[in-house]
Protein backbone atom coordinates (compact mmCIF):
# COMPACT_ATOMS: atom_id res chain seq x y z
CA MET A 1 109.09 133.01 115.44
CA SER A 2 106.57 134.94 113.95
CA ARG A 3 106.48 138.33 111.25
CA ASP A 4 103.99 139.33 113.84
CA LEU A 5 103.35 137.34 117.09
CA ALA A 6 100.37 139.95 118.16
CA LEU A 7 98.66 138.54 115.64
CA ALA A 8 99.48 135.15 115.71
CA VAL A 9 98.18 135.29 119.23
CA GLU A 10 94.62 136.74 118.82
CA LYS A 11 94.21 134.05 116.11
CA ALA A 12 95.21 131.50 118.55
CA LYS A 13 92.53 132.55 120.48
CA LYS A 14 90.11 130.98 118.63
CA ILE A 15 91.24 128.09 117.34
CA LYS A 16 88.90 124.96 118.22
CA LEU A 17 90.29 122.94 115.33
CA LEU A 18 93.84 121.68 114.51
CA ILE A 19 94.46 119.93 111.44
CA LEU A 20 97.59 118.67 110.34
CA ASP A 21 99.79 117.48 107.24
CA VAL A 22 101.59 114.24 108.04
CA HIS A 23 105.55 114.82 106.04
CA GLY A 24 107.49 117.52 106.77
CA VAL A 25 105.19 118.27 109.95
CA LEU A 26 104.91 114.83 112.07
CA THR A 27 107.37 113.66 110.04
CA THR A 28 110.63 114.48 109.07
CA ASN A 29 110.83 114.35 104.43
CA ASP A 30 113.73 111.17 105.18
CA VAL A 31 111.97 107.84 104.73
CA ILE A 32 113.71 104.97 105.85
CA TYR A 33 113.47 101.65 103.50
CA ASN A 34 114.13 98.34 105.18
CA GLN A 35 115.48 95.36 102.76
CA GLU A 36 112.24 94.46 101.73
CA GLY A 37 111.33 97.89 100.83
CA GLY A 38 109.10 98.97 103.87
CA ARG A 39 109.17 101.84 104.50
CA TYR A 40 109.74 103.44 107.50
CA ARG A 41 109.04 107.17 109.25
CA VAL A 42 109.86 108.60 112.72
CA PHE A 43 107.47 110.26 114.61
CA SER A 44 108.42 112.92 117.02
CA HIS A 45 107.37 112.04 120.88
CA GLU A 46 106.41 115.43 121.29
CA ASP A 47 104.31 115.94 119.02
CA GLY A 48 102.19 112.71 120.43
CA PHE A 49 102.30 115.24 124.27
CA GLY A 50 101.42 118.54 121.94
CA CYS A 51 98.66 116.77 120.45
CA ASN A 52 97.70 114.92 123.93
CA ALA A 53 97.60 118.58 125.12
CA LEU A 54 95.25 120.06 122.79
CA MET A 55 92.50 117.24 122.86
CA LEU A 56 93.00 117.79 126.75
CA CYS A 57 91.89 121.27 126.96
CA GLY A 58 89.23 120.66 124.08
CA ILE A 59 91.02 121.19 120.79
CA GLU A 60 89.40 118.34 118.37
CA ILE A 61 92.62 117.61 116.03
CA ALA A 62 92.70 115.82 112.36
CA VAL A 63 95.22 114.91 109.83
CA ILE A 64 94.63 115.13 106.55
CA THR A 65 97.27 113.71 104.32
CA ARG A 66 98.12 112.49 101.06
CA LYS A 67 99.42 108.97 101.28
CA SER A 68 100.80 107.37 104.39
CA LYS A 69 100.05 103.87 106.03
CA GLY A 70 102.23 104.11 109.28
CA THR A 71 101.03 107.64 110.34
CA GLU A 72 97.03 105.66 110.75
CA ALA A 73 98.65 103.77 113.94
CA ARG A 74 100.79 106.44 115.25
CA MET A 75 97.39 108.68 115.75
CA ASN A 76 95.72 105.72 117.04
CA ASP A 77 98.60 105.18 119.66
CA ILE A 78 98.02 108.77 120.83
CA GLY A 79 94.63 109.24 119.97
CA VAL A 80 93.55 110.88 117.80
CA LYS A 81 90.04 109.87 115.39
CA ARG A 82 90.31 111.88 112.45
CA PHE A 83 92.67 110.71 110.43
CA TYR A 84 91.99 111.02 106.47
CA GLN A 85 93.73 109.91 103.13
CA THR A 86 93.32 111.72 100.24
CA LYS A 87 94.89 114.61 97.67
CA GLU A 88 92.13 116.70 97.92
CA LYS A 89 92.44 118.31 100.86
CA VAL A 90 90.93 121.59 100.76
CA GLY A 91 87.53 118.94 100.15
CA LYS A 92 88.40 117.57 103.22
CA TYR A 93 88.57 120.45 105.15
CA LEU A 94 85.58 121.93 104.12
CA GLU A 95 83.88 118.85 104.84
CA LEU A 96 85.54 119.26 108.80
CA LEU A 97 84.07 122.62 108.80
CA GLU A 98 80.73 121.99 107.60
CA GLU A 99 80.77 118.34 110.21
CA LEU A 100 82.14 120.41 113.15
CA LYS A 101 79.71 123.77 112.84
CA LEU A 102 82.83 125.74 112.76
CA THR A 103 84.71 129.13 110.77
CA GLU A 104 87.61 129.34 108.86
CA GLU A 105 88.57 131.71 111.89
CA GLU A 106 88.21 128.62 114.25
CA VAL A 107 91.01 126.39 112.62
CA CYS A 108 94.33 126.48 112.50
CA PHE A 109 96.88 123.74 109.84
CA VAL A 110 99.92 123.20 109.68
CA GLY A 111 102.03 122.53 106.64
CA ASP A 112 105.13 122.55 105.22
CA GLU A 113 104.58 122.20 101.63
CA ILE A 114 102.51 123.81 97.81
CA ILE A 115 99.80 120.79 98.63
CA ASP A 116 99.27 122.77 101.84
CA MET A 117 98.83 126.26 100.70
CA GLY A 118 95.08 125.31 99.43
CA VAL A 119 93.71 125.37 102.88
CA MET A 120 96.80 127.40 104.63
CA LYS A 121 95.28 130.46 102.72
CA ARG A 122 91.93 129.99 104.28
CA VAL A 123 92.24 129.02 107.94
CA GLY A 124 92.01 131.35 111.00
CA LEU A 125 96.00 130.32 111.40
CA ALA A 126 98.24 129.06 109.23
CA VAL A 127 101.79 127.39 110.11
CA SER A 128 104.96 126.10 108.93
CA PRO A 129 107.36 124.00 110.55
CA SER A 130 110.88 126.12 110.56
CA ASP A 131 111.70 124.57 107.45
CA GLY A 132 108.79 124.77 105.16
CA LYS A 133 109.20 126.08 101.77
CA PRO A 134 109.15 129.78 101.41
CA ASP A 135 105.95 129.81 99.46
CA VAL A 136 104.76 128.12 102.27
CA LEU A 137 106.50 130.19 105.16
CA ASP A 138 105.34 133.16 103.50
CA ILE A 139 101.74 132.83 103.89
CA SER A 140 101.80 131.37 107.90
CA HIS A 141 100.88 133.50 110.53
CA TYR A 142 103.19 131.81 112.61
CA VAL A 143 106.25 129.80 111.69
CA THR A 144 108.14 127.11 114.54
CA GLU A 145 110.77 126.87 115.66
CA LYS A 146 111.16 123.45 115.56
CA ALA A 147 111.31 121.42 112.19
CA GLY A 148 109.53 119.38 110.79
CA GLY A 149 109.22 116.07 112.70
CA ARG A 150 110.97 117.91 115.83
CA GLY A 151 107.83 118.49 117.91
CA VAL A 152 106.21 121.32 115.56
CA ILE A 153 102.50 120.09 117.18
CA ARG A 154 104.10 120.24 120.87
CA GLU A 155 105.81 123.83 120.79
CA LEU A 156 102.34 124.58 119.14
CA ALA A 157 100.50 122.80 121.50
CA GLU A 158 102.50 125.34 124.25
CA PHE A 159 101.44 128.38 121.94
CA ILE A 160 97.79 128.27 121.27
CA LEU A 161 96.99 126.73 124.97
CA GLN A 162 98.83 129.88 126.65
CA ALA A 163 96.89 131.90 123.96
CA GLN A 164 93.51 130.79 125.48
CA GLY A 165 94.85 131.18 128.97
CA LYS A 166 94.63 127.13 129.24
CA TRP A 167 98.56 126.12 129.73
CA ASP A 168 98.63 126.92 133.27
CA GLY A 169 95.67 124.84 134.43
CA PHE A 170 97.22 121.94 132.34
CA CYS A 171 100.52 121.67 133.76
CA GLU A 172 98.78 122.10 136.92
CA LYS A 173 96.77 118.70 136.18
CA VAL A 174 99.57 116.73 134.60
CA MET A 175 102.29 117.52 137.37
CA SER A 176 99.58 116.60 139.88
CA LYS A 177 97.06 113.93 138.48
CA GLY A 178 99.05 112.90 135.44
CA TRP A 179 97.49 112.08 132.22
């Protein structure tokens, strides 16, 4: 779902780095506590597939979140090496641009909350899950059909890779050779 799908496709063609928020994007906004007070969050297997698809097709992935202990383990499981815990999302974003020698138009950021808007207003492709906050939805170039924690990155990976002409080749490779 997008206000201007043709514009979103043109922006997606340029993406070399996908930056993800965690809460409300890779997870729902639900938090589960056990009897000892430990926190649990649920991640979608679909999003792991989406991250892997993008990485296999040459797109870098980074995660910037304020605080999330369990997310680091999940990112290790799926091979995402750029994991940052900071409340200064714009500062880390600017560091990544410099480190990777990218322009803002080559970056996609997925966020759902006001804390994400500083980066979202700068990137080439700003994306929100369908259940993002109204202010975030208003500035997004592309809004996924999926809600946060329910396969947003899988959906976005297909969208970006189709725009870049890489989806069919990726599918053929996976169908014939697996991961």
